[in-house]
Amino acid sequence: MSTSTTSAPPGTEDPPPARAAPRRRGGRTPARTGWRRALRRDWQLYSLAILPLLFFLVFRYLPMIGNVIAFRRFEPGGSIFGEEWVGLRYVQMFLSDPTFWQVFRNTLWIGGLTLLFCFPIPIVLALLLNEVRRRSLKRFVQSVSYLPHFLSIVIVAGITLQMLASDGPVNHVLGWFGHEPIRFIQEPEWFRTIYVGSEIWQTAGWGTILYLAALTTIDEDLYEAARIDGANRWQQIWHVTLPGIRPTMVTLLILNIGTFMAVGFEKVLLLYNPLTYPTADVISTYVYRAGVESNSFSYAAAIGLFEAIIGLVLITSANQLSRRTVGTSLW
């Protein structure tokens, strides 16, 4: 008994079974191979990050190991990790020290005033420069405002001390109006004004660079649409310009909040004196005197660790708050 086979009409044959995808040797994932391919292709660019990474590793992360002496008794000439474990002894010492709490309040005051005035002024200056149409005037104002940034803190402090000395130019001008000379440098109530004023003069112009760069990324069609809708210059700034630079503003604000407690150590150290300690002494200068001048390294390390923890909490909280409210965050 024979069976006949009928051939299917052309075009109706079953497709051949799909071939199984070859297995990758060693279990390499596409993301891993893509990263290696990018590294081989752009190794010159990645090599530029070696020195910055080494800098942060050597001067930022490795010194964190020394924080262990905040919980151990350290003696100069002994072990770098301390002689014996003392627990929270040094933490209790500075928490019960009234001088520390005075220094802590001074840090909050100076840090808050610096953030309040030094953060918005570069934004205002950038907006004003963006409205200037004469290029020669714009370049002149930019050059003059940028110049103080390139001066060292020692020079800035020296200029400030000379300007505000008892026989300095400021008191000479006050004398022309019949005012008695003011001892700006010796009066504690003047220190915060002097510090914040010098900080604005030194940093305001340089801070406008990022905002001016952010202004160039705003689409000109948005301004054209706003003008068609009848918006004047102030309304265009409020509804177009400020929303366009908001990510840059939020990022810099978070970074400034993170350094809120680390008020400029060098400038405070150069400007203050024992007469102005009640309002000028901050945590960083107090740690310097306690650690370097008094050789209380463990006590100073405990205070520095406390300051670092507060800074970490501030920058993390500011980042989370910005993400939830504005929708923009640093990470």
C-alpha atoms as a PDB file:
ATOM      1  CA  MET A   1       0.000   0.000   0.000  1.00  0.00           C
ATOM      2  CA  SER A   2       1.595   3.124  -1.164  1.00  0.00           C
ATOM      3  CA  THR A   3       1.104   6.626   0.233  1.00  0.00           C
ATOM      4  CA  SER A   4       1.324   9.583  -2.042  1.00  0.00           C
ATOM      5  CA  THR A   5       2.803  12.830  -0.877  1.00  0.00           C
ATOM      6  CA  THR A   6       1.335  16.030  -2.139  1.00  0.00           C
ATOM      7  CA  SER A   7       3.548  19.049  -2.361  1.00  0.00           C
ATOM      8  CA  ALA A   8       2.276  22.305  -0.924  1.00  0.00           C
ATOM      9  CA  PRO A   9       1.660  25.109  -3.326  1.00  0.00           C
ATOM     10  CA  PRO A  10       4.506  27.539  -3.705  1.00  0.00           C
ATOM     11  CA  GLY A  11       4.629  30.318  -1.135  1.00  0.00           C
ATOM     12  CA  THR A  12       2.879  28.304   1.588  1.00  0.00           C
ATOM     13  CA  GLU A  13       5.877  26.392   2.975  1.00  0.00           C
ATOM     14  CA  ASP A  14       6.364  26.535   6.729  1.00  0.00           C
ATOM     15  CA  PRO A  15       9.137  28.952   7.712  1.00  0.00           C
ATOM     16  CA  PRO A  16      12.323  27.337   8.964  1.00  0.00           C
ATOM     17  CA  PRO A  17      12.675  27.207  12.729  1.00  0.00           C
ATOM     18  CA  ALA A  18      14.325  30.236  14.221  1.00  0.00           C
ATOM     19  CA  ARG A  19      17.935  29.726  15.159  1.00  0.00           C
ATOM     20  CA  ALA A  20      18.781  30.139  18.790  1.00  0.00           C
ATOM     21  CA  ALA A  21      20.777  33.227  19.569  1.00  0.00           C
ATOM     22  CA  PRO A  22      24.392  32.379  20.236  1.00  0.00           C
ATOM     23  CA  ARG A  23      25.384  32.580  23.853  1.00  0.00           C
ATOM     24  CA  ARG A  24      27.894  35.245  24.763  1.00  0.00           C
ATOM     25  CA  ARG A  25      31.165  33.973  26.037  1.00  0.00           C
ATOM     26  CA  GLY A  26      31.782  34.625  29.689  1.00  0.00           C
ATOM     27  CA  GLY A  27      28.237  35.959  30.236  1.00  0.00           C
ATOM     28  CA  ARG A  28      29.040  39.495  29.049  1.00  0.00           C
ATOM     29  CA  THR A  29      26.036  41.804  29.008  1.00  0.00           C
ATOM     30  CA  PRO A  30      25.481  44.401  26.267  1.00  0.00           C
ATOM     31  CA  ALA A  31      25.822  47.234  28.798  1.00  0.00           C
ATOM     32  CA  ARG A  32      29.190  45.924  29.940  1.00  0.00           C
ATOM     33  CA  THR A  33      30.537  45.521  26.427  1.00  0.00           C
ATOM     34  CA  GLY A  34      29.133  48.949  25.484  1.00  0.00           C
ATOM     35  CA  TRP A  35      30.988  50.570  28.389  1.00  0.00           C
ATOM     36  CA  ARG A  36      34.228  48.887  27.388  1.00  0.00           C
ATOM     37  CA  ARG A  37      33.761  49.914  23.774  1.00  0.00           C
ATOM     38  CA  ALA A  38      33.152  53.513  24.836  1.00  0.00           C
ATOM     39  CA  LEU A  39      36.250  53.401  27.061  1.00  0.00           C
ATOM     40  CA  ARG A  40      38.411  52.148  24.185  1.00  0.00           C
ATOM     41  CA  ARG A  41      36.977  54.758  21.828  1.00  0.00           C
ATOM     42  CA  ASP A  42      37.176  57.791  24.149  1.00  0.00           C
ATOM     43  CA  TRP A  43      40.042  56.839  26.444  1.00  0.00           C
ATOM     44  CA  GLN A  44      41.640  60.278  25.950  1.00  0.00           C
ATOM     45  CA  LEU A  45      38.593  61.981  27.482  1.00  0.00           C
ATOM     46  CA  TYR A  46      38.378  59.526  30.366  1.00  0.00           C
ATOM     47  CA  SER A  47      42.076  59.992  31.096  1.00  0.00           C
ATOM     48  CA  LEU A  48      41.388  63.649  31.894  1.00  0.00           C
ATOM     49  CA  ALA A  49      39.421  62.519  34.969  1.00  0.00           C
ATOM     50  CA  ILE A  50      42.389  60.695  36.509  1.00  0.00           C
ATOM     51  CA  LEU A  51      43.987  63.723  38.184  1.00  0.00           C
ATOM     52  CA  PRO A  52      40.713  65.086  39.658  1.00  0.00           C
ATOM     53  CA  LEU A  53      39.859  61.625  40.976  1.00  0.00           C
ATOM     54  CA  LEU A  54      43.314  61.304  42.546  1.00  0.00           C
ATOM     55  CA  PHE A  55      42.923  64.758  44.098  1.00  0.00           C
ATOM     56  CA  PHE A  56      39.613  63.867  45.744  1.00  0.00           C
ATOM     57  CA  LEU A  57      40.951  60.482  46.806  1.00  0.00           C
ATOM     58  CA  VAL A  58      44.099  61.854  48.450  1.00  0.00           C
ATOM     59  CA  PHE A  59      42.786  65.128  49.902  1.00  0.00           C
ATOM     60  CA  ARG A  60      39.106  64.348  50.522  1.00  0.00           C
ATOM     61  CA  TYR A  61      38.451  60.667  51.107  1.00  0.00           C
ATOM     62  CA  LEU A  62      41.649  59.285  52.648  1.00  0.00           C
ATOM     63  CA  PRO A  63      41.680  61.989  55.386  1.00  0.00           C
ATOM     64  CA  MET A  64      38.251  60.737  56.480  1.00  0.00           C
ATOM     65  CA  ILE A  65      40.059  57.842  58.142  1.00  0.00           C
ATOM     66  CA  GLY A  66      41.454  60.357  60.624  1.00  0.00           C
ATOM     67  CA  ASN A  67      37.957  61.023  61.973  1.00  0.00           C
ATOM     68  CA  VAL A  68      38.473  58.005  64.195  1.00  0.00           C
ATOM     69  CA  ILE A  69      40.477  60.171  66.605  1.00  0.00           C
ATOM     70  CA  ALA A  70      37.217  61.918  67.489  1.00  0.00           C
ATOM     71  CA  PHE A  71      36.519  58.773  69.544  1.00  0.00           C
ATOM     72  CA  ARG A  72      40.076  58.025  70.627  1.00  0.00           C
ATOM     73  CA  ARG A  73      42.613  59.924  72.733  1.00  0.00           C
ATOM     74  CA  PHE A  74      45.269  61.271  70.407  1.00  0.00           C
ATOM     75  CA  GLU A  75      48.694  62.446  71.480  1.00  0.00           C
ATOM     76  CA  PRO A  76      51.176  64.182  69.135  1.00  0.00           C
ATOM     77  CA  GLY A  77      53.959  61.780  68.242  1.00  0.00           C
ATOM     78  CA  GLY A  78      51.860  58.692  68.951  1.00  0.00           C
ATOM     79  CA  SER A  79      49.707  56.546  66.733  1.00  0.00           C
ATOM     80  CA  ILE A  80      47.794  58.401  64.027  1.00  0.00           C
ATOM     81  CA  PHE A  81      44.673  56.481  65.088  1.00  0.00           C
ATOM     82  CA  GLY A  82      44.909  57.474  68.742  1.00  0.00           C
ATOM     83  CA  GLU A  83      46.139  55.779  71.871  1.00  0.00           C
ATOM     84  CA  GLU A  84      42.957  54.495  73.503  1.00  0.00           C
ATOM     85  CA  TRP A  85      39.218  54.398  72.923  1.00  0.00           C
ATOM     86  CA  VAL A  86      37.278  57.078  74.809  1.00  0.00           C
ATOM     87  CA  GLY A  87      33.882  56.820  73.095  1.00  0.00           C
ATOM     88  CA  LEU A  88      31.792  60.001  73.036  1.00  0.00           C
ATOM     89  CA  ARG A  89      33.873  61.858  75.577  1.00  0.00           C
ATOM     90  CA  TYR A  90      34.924  64.656  73.224  1.00  0.00           C
ATOM     91  CA  VAL A  91      31.420  64.935  71.790  1.00  0.00           C
ATOM     92  CA  GLN A  92      30.051  65.485  75.286  1.00  0.00           C
ATOM     93  CA  MET A  93      32.799  68.044  75.920  1.00  0.00           C
ATOM     94  CA  PHE A  94      31.885  70.359  73.071  1.00  0.00           C
ATOM     95  CA  LEU A  95      28.139  69.872  73.562  1.00  0.00           C
ATOM     96  CA  SER A  96      28.523  71.092  77.153  1.00  0.00           C
ATOM     97  CA  ASP A  97      30.912  73.929  76.229  1.00  0.00           C
ATOM     98  CA  PRO A  98      29.136  77.337  76.158  1.00  0.00           C
ATOM     99  CA  THR A  99      31.872  78.729  73.904  1.00  0.00           C
ATOM    100  CA  PHE A 100      31.033  76.152  71.255  1.00  0.00           C
ATOM    101  CA  TRP A 101      27.356  77.149  71.193  1.00  0.00           C
ATOM    102  CA  GLN A 102      28.309  80.801  70.800  1.00  0.00           C
ATOM    103  CA  VAL A 103      30.535  79.805  67.882  1.00  0.00           C
ATOM    104  CA  PHE A 104      27.708  77.679  66.480  1.00  0.00           C
ATOM    105  CA  ARG A 105      25.304  80.654  66.550  1.00  0.00           C
ATOM    106  CA  ASN A 106      27.885  82.859  64.858  1.00  0.00           C
ATOM    107  CA  THR A 107      28.270  80.252  62.105  1.00  0.00           C
ATOM    108  CA  LEU A 108      24.524  80.156  61.541  1.00  0.00           C
ATOM    109  CA  TRP A 109      24.316  83.947  61.408  1.00  0.00           C
ATOM    110  CA  ILE A 110      27.203  84.467  58.999  1.00  0.00           C
ATOM    111  CA  GLY A 111      26.252  81.465  56.856  1.00  0.00           C
ATOM    112  CA  GLY A 112      22.625  82.587  56.674  1.00  0.00           C
ATOM    113  CA  LEU A 113      23.510  86.175  55.759  1.00  0.00           C
ATOM    114  CA  THR A 114      26.001  84.979  53.145  1.00  0.00           C
ATOM    115  CA  LEU A 115      23.393  82.707  51.562  1.00  0.00           C
ATOM    116  CA  LEU A 116      20.704  85.401  51.732  1.00  0.00           C
ATOM    117  CA  PHE A 117      22.740  88.077  49.939  1.00  0.00           C
ATOM    118  CA  CYS A 118      25.443  86.286  47.946  1.00  0.00           C
ATOM    119  CA  PHE A 119      23.100  83.815  46.227  1.00  0.00           C
ATOM    120  CA  PRO A 120      20.525  86.146  44.573  1.00  0.00           C
ATOM    121  CA  ILE A 121      22.884  89.004  43.656  1.00  0.00           C
ATOM    122  CA  PRO A 122      24.650  87.074  40.830  1.00  0.00           C
ATOM    123  CA  ILE A 123      21.215  86.215  39.405  1.00  0.00           C
ATOM    124  CA  VAL A 124      20.158  89.867  39.435  1.00  0.00           C
ATOM    125  CA  LEU A 125      23.476  90.953  37.910  1.00  0.00           C
ATOM    126  CA  ALA A 126      23.179  88.331  35.161  1.00  0.00           C
ATOM    127  CA  LEU A 127      19.637  89.446  34.345  1.00  0.00           C
ATOM    128  CA  LEU A 128      20.736  93.084  34.164  1.00  0.00           C
ATOM    129  CA  LEU A 129      23.712  92.265  31.937  1.00  0.00           C
ATOM    130  CA  ASN A 130      21.451  90.209  29.705  1.00  0.00           C
ATOM    131  CA  GLU A 131      19.322  93.321  29.062  1.00  0.00           C
ATOM    132  CA  VAL A 132      22.300  95.517  28.115  1.00  0.00           C
ATOM    133  CA  ARG A 133      22.409  95.993  24.359  1.00  0.00           C
ATOM    134  CA  ARG A 134      25.700  97.915  24.060  1.00  0.00           C
ATOM    135  CA  ARG A 135      28.385  95.224  23.833  1.00  0.00           C
ATOM    136  CA  SER A 136      31.188  97.568  24.910  1.00  0.00           C
ATOM    137  CA  LEU A 137      29.358  98.513  28.125  1.00  0.00           C
ATOM    138  CA  LYS A 138      28.439  94.902  28.788  1.00  0.00           C
ATOM    139  CA  ARG A 139      32.044  93.730  28.431  1.00  0.00           C
ATOM    140  CA  PHE A 140      33.316  96.542  30.651  1.00  0.00           C
ATOM    141  CA  VAL A 141      30.860  95.705  33.447  1.00  0.00           C
ATOM    142  CA  GLN A 142      31.674  92.000  33.166  1.00  0.00           C
ATOM    143  CA  SER A 143      35.419  92.621  33.364  1.00  0.00           C
ATOM    144  CA  VAL A 144      35.112  94.928  36.362  1.00  0.00           C
ATOM    145  CA  SER A 145      32.799  92.543  38.222  1.00  0.00           C
ATOM    146  CA  TYR A 146      34.939  89.466  37.453  1.00  0.00           C
ATOM    147  CA  LEU A 147      38.236  91.020  38.558  1.00  0.00           C
ATOM    148  CA  PRO A 148      37.882  90.572  42.370  1.00  0.00           C
ATOM    149  CA  HIS A 149      37.488  86.805  41.929  1.00  0.00           C
ATOM    150  CA  PHE A 150      41.063  86.526  40.668  1.00  0.00           C
ATOM    151  CA  LEU A 151      42.456  88.241  43.764  1.00  0.00           C
ATOM    152  CA  SER A 152      43.616  85.970  46.561  1.00  0.00           C
ATOM    153  CA  ILE A 153      41.747  86.011  49.849  1.00  0.00           C
ATOM    154  CA  VAL A 154      44.824  87.524  51.527  1.00  0.00           C
ATOM    155  CA  ILE A 155      44.721  90.492  49.139  1.00  0.00           C
ATOM    156  CA  VAL A 156      40.952  90.901  49.555  1.00  0.00           C
ATOM    157  CA  ALA A 157      41.299  90.856  53.341  1.00  0.00           C
ATOM    158  CA  GLY A 158      44.185  93.336  53.172  1.00  0.00           C
ATOM    159  CA  ILE A 159      42.189  95.729  50.980  1.00  0.00           C
ATOM    160  CA  THR A 160      39.226  95.444  53.340  1.00  0.00           C
ATOM    161  CA  LEU A 161      41.338  96.149  56.420  1.00  0.00           C
ATOM    162  CA  GLN A 162      43.020  99.142  54.783  1.00  0.00           C
ATOM    163  CA  MET A 163      39.746 100.615  53.533  1.00  0.00           C
ATOM    164  CA  LEU A 164      38.078 100.305  56.946  1.00  0.00           C
ATOM    165  CA  ALA A 165      41.020 101.304  59.136  1.00  0.00           C
ATOM    166  CA  SER A 166      40.615 104.189  61.552  1.00  0.00           C
ATOM    167  CA  ASP A 167      42.598 106.419  59.165  1.00  0.00           C
ATOM    168  CA  GLY A 168      41.365 104.681  56.015  1.00  0.00           C
ATOM    169  CA  PRO A 169      39.412 106.086  53.065  1.00  0.00           C
ATOM    170  CA  VAL A 170      35.993 105.186  54.485  1.00  0.00           C
ATOM    171  CA  ASN A 171      36.589 107.115  57.704  1.00  0.00           C
ATOM    172  CA  HIS A 172      38.033 110.034  55.711  1.00  0.00           C
ATOM    173  CA  VAL A 173      34.786 110.231  53.739  1.00  0.00           C
ATOM    174  CA  LEU A 174      32.797 110.061  56.972  1.00  0.00           C
ATOM    175  CA  GLY A 175      34.956 112.893  58.361  1.00  0.00           C
ATOM    176  CA  TRP A 176      33.963 115.127  55.429  1.00  0.00           C
ATOM    177  CA  PHE A 177      30.368 114.845  56.635  1.00  0.00           C
ATOM    178  CA  GLY A 178      31.317 115.649  60.233  1.00  0.00           C
ATOM    179  CA  HIS A 179      31.118 112.051  61.482  1.00  0.00           C
ATOM    180  CA  GLU A 180      33.542 110.692  64.034  1.00  0.00           C
ATOM    181  CA  PRO A 181      35.821 107.842  62.857  1.00  0.00           C
ATOM    182  CA  ILE A 182      34.339 104.378  63.346  1.00  0.00           C
ATOM    183  CA  ARG A 183      36.523 101.486  64.452  1.00  0.00           C
ATOM    184  CA  PHE A 184      35.063  98.999  62.003  1.00  0.00           C
ATOM    185  CA  ILE A 185      37.703  96.340  62.597  1.00  0.00           C
ATOM    186  CA  GLN A 186      37.499  96.478  66.403  1.00  0.00           C
ATOM    187  CA  GLU A 187      33.715  96.650  66.776  1.00  0.00           C
ATOM    188  CA  PRO A 188      32.031  93.197  66.966  1.00  0.00           C
ATOM    189  CA  GLU A 189      28.703  94.456  65.605  1.00  0.00           C
ATOM    190  CA  TRP A 190      30.355  95.498  62.316  1.00  0.00           C
ATOM    191  CA  PHE A 191      32.081  92.210  61.522  1.00  0.00           C
ATOM    192  CA  ARG A 192      29.143  90.402  59.866  1.00  0.00           C
ATOM    193  CA  THR A 193      28.456  93.397  57.623  1.00  0.00           C
ATOM    194  CA  ILE A 194      32.125  93.609  56.652  1.00  0.00           C
ATOM    195  CA  TYR A 195      32.387  89.893  55.912  1.00  0.00           C
ATOM    196  CA  VAL A 196      29.211  89.675  53.827  1.00  0.00           C
ATOM    197  CA  GLY A 197      30.048  92.888  51.954  1.00  0.00           C
ATOM    198  CA  SER A 198      33.523  91.671  51.021  1.00  0.00           C
ATOM    199  CA  GLU A 199      32.092  88.295  49.999  1.00  0.00           C
ATOM    200  CA  ILE A 200      29.563  89.964  47.685  1.00  0.00           C
ATOM    201  CA  TRP A 201      32.275  92.132  46.123  1.00  0.00           C
ATOM    202  CA  GLN A 202      34.547  89.139  45.524  1.00  0.00           C
ATOM    203  CA  THR A 203      32.056  86.515  44.291  1.00  0.00           C
ATOM    204  CA  ALA A 204      29.095  88.307  42.682  1.00  0.00           C
ATOM    205  CA  GLY A 205      30.703  88.914  39.289  1.00  0.00           C
ATOM    206  CA  TRP A 206      32.138  85.435  38.949  1.00  0.00           C
ATOM    207  CA  GLY A 207      28.834  83.851  39.918  1.00  0.00           C
ATOM    208  CA  THR A 208      27.120  85.496  36.966  1.00  0.00           C
ATOM    209  CA  ILE A 209      29.103  83.380  34.477  1.00  0.00           C
ATOM    210  CA  LEU A 210      26.988  80.264  35.017  1.00  0.00           C
ATOM    211  CA  TYR A 211      23.763  82.228  34.810  1.00  0.00           C
ATOM    212  CA  LEU A 212      24.816  84.050  31.646  1.00  0.00           C
ATOM    213  CA  ALA A 213      25.699  80.681  30.105  1.00  0.00           C
ATOM    214  CA  ALA A 214      22.278  79.340  31.134  1.00  0.00           C
ATOM    215  CA  LEU A 215      20.568  82.383  29.575  1.00  0.00           C
ATOM    216  CA  THR A 216      22.052  81.543  26.178  1.00  0.00           C
ATOM    217  CA  THR A 217      20.206  78.201  26.163  1.00  0.00           C
ATOM    218  CA  ILE A 218      16.740  79.799  26.320  1.00  0.00           C
ATOM    219  CA  ASP A 219      14.885  79.594  23.014  1.00  0.00           C
ATOM    220  CA  GLU A 220      14.330  83.018  21.435  1.00  0.00           C
ATOM    221  CA  ASP A 221      10.962  81.818  20.118  1.00  0.00           C
ATOM    222  CA  LEU A 222       9.683  81.883  23.710  1.00  0.00           C
ATOM    223  CA  TYR A 223      10.431  85.598  23.961  1.00  0.00           C
ATOM    224  CA  GLU A 224       8.793  86.174  20.586  1.00  0.00           C
ATOM    225  CA  ALA A 225       5.660  84.324  21.706  1.00  0.00           C
ATOM    226  CA  ALA A 226       5.608  86.331  24.949  1.00  0.00           C
ATOM    227  CA  ARG A 227       5.862  89.618  23.025  1.00  0.00           C
ATOM    228  CA  ILE A 228       3.024  88.561  20.738  1.00  0.00           C
ATOM    229  CA  ASP A 229       0.904  87.891  23.833  1.00  0.00           C
ATOM    230  CA  GLY A 230       1.611  91.442  25.028  1.00  0.00           C
ATOM    231  CA  ALA A 231       4.192  90.692  27.753  1.00  0.00           C
ATOM    232  CA  ASN A 232       6.506  93.542  28.683  1.00  0.00           C
ATOM    233  CA  ARG A 233      10.186  93.128  29.647  1.00  0.00           C
ATOM    234  CA  TRP A 234       9.501  92.394  33.314  1.00  0.00           C
ATOM    235  CA  GLN A 235       6.844  89.830  32.425  1.00  0.00           C
ATOM    236  CA  GLN A 236       9.216  88.169  29.956  1.00  0.00           C
ATOM    237  CA  ILE A 237      11.874  87.914  32.677  1.00  0.00           C
ATOM    238  CA  TRP A 238       9.389  86.459  35.170  1.00  0.00           C
ATOM    239  CA  HIS A 239       7.672  83.977  32.850  1.00  0.00           C
ATOM    240  CA  VAL A 240      10.464  83.067  30.404  1.00  0.00           C
ATOM    241  CA  THR A 241      13.928  83.942  31.711  1.00  0.00           C
ATOM    242  CA  LEU A 242      13.645  82.785  35.317  1.00  0.00           C
ATOM    243  CA  PRO A 243      12.000  79.428  34.450  1.00  0.00           C
ATOM    244  CA  GLY A 244      14.726  78.909  31.838  1.00  0.00           C
ATOM    245  CA  ILE A 245      17.570  79.231  34.355  1.00  0.00           C
ATOM    246  CA  ARG A 246      15.717  77.531  37.211  1.00  0.00           C
ATOM    247  CA  PRO A 247      17.702  74.242  36.986  1.00  0.00           C
ATOM    248  CA  THR A 248      20.964  76.172  37.316  1.00  0.00           C
ATOM    249  CA  MET A 249      19.582  78.204  40.206  1.00  0.00           C
ATOM    250  CA  VAL A 250      18.414  75.105  42.071  1.00  0.00           C
ATOM    251  CA  THR A 251      21.708  73.277  41.559  1.00  0.00           C
ATOM    252  CA  LEU A 252      23.783  76.185  42.875  1.00  0.00           C
ATOM    253  CA  LEU A 253      21.375  76.718  45.765  1.00  0.00           C
ATOM    254  CA  ILE A 254      21.759  73.090  46.852  1.00  0.00           C
ATOM    255  CA  LEU A 255      25.545  73.362  46.665  1.00  0.00           C
ATOM    256  CA  ASN A 256      25.501  76.592  48.688  1.00  0.00           C
ATOM    257  CA  ILE A 257      23.295  75.005  51.333  1.00  0.00           C
ATOM    258  CA  GLY A 258      25.706  72.082  51.522  1.00  0.00           C
ATOM    259  CA  THR A 259      28.546  74.481  52.404  1.00  0.00           C
ATOM    260  CA  PHE A 260      26.335  76.512  54.732  1.00  0.00           C
ATOM    261  CA  MET A 261      28.254  75.489  57.858  1.00  0.00           C
ATOM    262  CA  ALA A 262      31.688  75.762  56.247  1.00  0.00           C
ATOM    263  CA  VAL A 263      31.798  79.549  56.360  1.00  0.00           C
ATOM    264  CA  GLY A 264      34.952  80.935  54.724  1.00  0.00           C
ATOM    265  CA  PHE A 265      37.704  79.949  57.142  1.00  0.00           C
ATOM    266  CA  GLU A 266      40.519  81.886  55.482  1.00  0.00           C
ATOM    267  CA  LYS A 267      38.698  85.209  55.243  1.00  0.00           C
ATOM    268  CA  VAL A 268      37.331  85.038  58.783  1.00  0.00           C
ATOM    269  CA  LEU A 269      40.785  84.136  60.106  1.00  0.00           C
ATOM    270  CA  LEU A 270      42.320  87.131  58.325  1.00  0.00           C
ATOM    271  CA  LEU A 271      39.625  89.645  59.271  1.00  0.00           C
ATOM    272  CA  TYR A 272      38.797  88.843  62.877  1.00  0.00           C
ATOM    273  CA  ASN A 273      40.680  89.580  66.081  1.00  0.00           C
ATOM    274  CA  PRO A 274      40.103  88.840  69.781  1.00  0.00           C
ATOM    275  CA  LEU A 275      37.885  91.923  70.094  1.00  0.00           C
ATOM    276  CA  THR A 276      35.457  90.604  67.484  1.00  0.00           C
ATOM    277  CA  TYR A 277      35.322  86.987  68.710  1.00  0.00           C
ATOM    278  CA  PRO A 278      31.747  87.385  70.085  1.00  0.00           C
ATOM    279  CA  THR A 279      30.358  87.777  66.538  1.00  0.00           C
ATOM    280  CA  ALA A 280      33.227  86.665  64.263  1.00  0.00           C
ATOM    281  CA  ASP A 281      34.386  83.342  65.691  1.00  0.00           C
ATOM    282  CA  VAL A 282      32.930  80.454  63.642  1.00  0.00           C
ATOM    283  CA  ILE A 283      33.261  76.683  63.883  1.00  0.00           C
ATOM    284  CA  SER A 284      36.159  76.441  61.420  1.00  0.00           C
ATOM    285  CA  THR A 285      38.280  79.058  63.243  1.00  0.00           C
ATOM    286  CA  TYR A 286      37.365  77.556  66.625  1.00  0.00           C
ATOM    287  CA  VAL A 287      38.480  74.131  65.389  1.00  0.00           C
ATOM    288  CA  TYR A 288      41.737  75.681  64.158  1.00  0.00           C
ATOM    289  CA  ARG A 289      42.501  77.254  67.529  1.00  0.00           C
ATOM    290  CA  ALA A 290      41.481  74.151  69.466  1.00  0.00           C
ATOM    291  CA  GLY A 291      43.341  71.706  67.245  1.00  0.00           C
ATOM    292  CA  VAL A 292      46.437  73.495  65.942  1.00  0.00           C
ATOM    293  CA  GLU A 293      47.122  76.131  68.586  1.00  0.00           C
ATOM    294  CA  SER A 294      46.011  74.137  71.657  1.00  0.00           C
ATOM    295  CA  ASN A 295      47.011  70.651  70.363  1.00  0.00           C
ATOM    296  CA  SER A 296      43.539  69.251  71.214  1.00  0.00           C
ATOM    297  CA  PHE A 297      43.314  67.270  68.001  1.00  0.00           C
ATOM    298  CA  SER A 298      40.709  64.762  69.173  1.00  0.00           C
ATOM    299  CA  TYR A 299      38.454  67.546  70.448  1.00  0.00           C
ATOM    300  CA  ALA A 300      38.828  69.447  67.163  1.00  0.00           C
ATOM    301  CA  ALA A 301      38.138  66.265  65.155  1.00  0.00           C
ATOM    302  CA  ALA A 302      34.904  65.692  67.091  1.00  0.00           C
ATOM    303  CA  ILE A 303      33.706  69.228  66.314  1.00  0.00           C
ATOM    304  CA  GLY A 304      34.693  68.888  62.653  1.00  0.00           C
ATOM    305  CA  LEU A 305      32.814  65.591  62.388  1.00  0.00           C
ATOM    306  CA  PHE A 306      29.743  67.233  63.920  1.00  0.00           C
ATOM    307  CA  GLU A 307      29.957  70.056  61.365  1.00  0.00           C
ATOM    308  CA  ALA A 308      30.316  67.574  58.483  1.00  0.00           C
ATOM    309  CA  ILE A 309      27.258  65.606  59.598  1.00  0.00           C
ATOM    310  CA  ILE A 310      25.164  68.794  59.721  1.00  0.00           C
ATOM    311  CA  GLY A 311      26.353  69.737  56.225  1.00  0.00           C
ATOM    312  CA  LEU A 312      25.453  66.278  54.905  1.00  0.00           C
ATOM    313  CA  VAL A 313      21.964  66.512  56.418  1.00  0.00           C
ATOM    314  CA  LEU A 314      21.455  70.003  54.962  1.00  0.00           C
ATOM    315  CA  ILE A 315      22.480  69.138  51.401  1.00  0.00           C
ATOM    316  CA  THR A 316      20.482  65.885  51.420  1.00  0.00           C
ATOM    317  CA  SER A 317      17.377  67.602  52.768  1.00  0.00           C
ATOM    318  CA  ALA A 318      17.685  70.471  50.275  1.00  0.00           C
ATOM    319  CA  ASN A 319      18.052  68.017  47.409  1.00  0.00           C
ATOM    320  CA  GLN A 320      14.989  66.009  48.431  1.00  0.00           C
ATOM    321  CA  LEU A 321      12.916  69.161  49.006  1.00  0.00           C
ATOM    322  CA  SER A 322      13.907  70.535  45.607  1.00  0.00           C
ATOM    323  CA  ARG A 323      13.034  67.256  43.881  1.00  0.00           C
ATOM    324  CA  ARG A 324       9.559  67.162  45.418  1.00  0.00           C
ATOM    325  CA  THR A 325       8.652  70.840  45.047  1.00  0.00           C
ATOM    326  CA  VAL A 326      10.446  72.059  41.924  1.00  0.00           C
ATOM    327  CA  GLY A 327      11.163  68.788  40.135  1.00  0.00           C
ATOM    328  CA  THR A 328      14.883  69.572  39.792  1.00  0.00           C
ATOM    329  CA  SER A 329      17.592  68.089  41.979  1.00  0.00           C
ATOM    330  CA  LEU A 330      21.341  67.556  42.084  1.00  0.00           C
ATOM    331  CA  TRP A 331      21.059  63.774  42.083  1.00  0.00           C
END
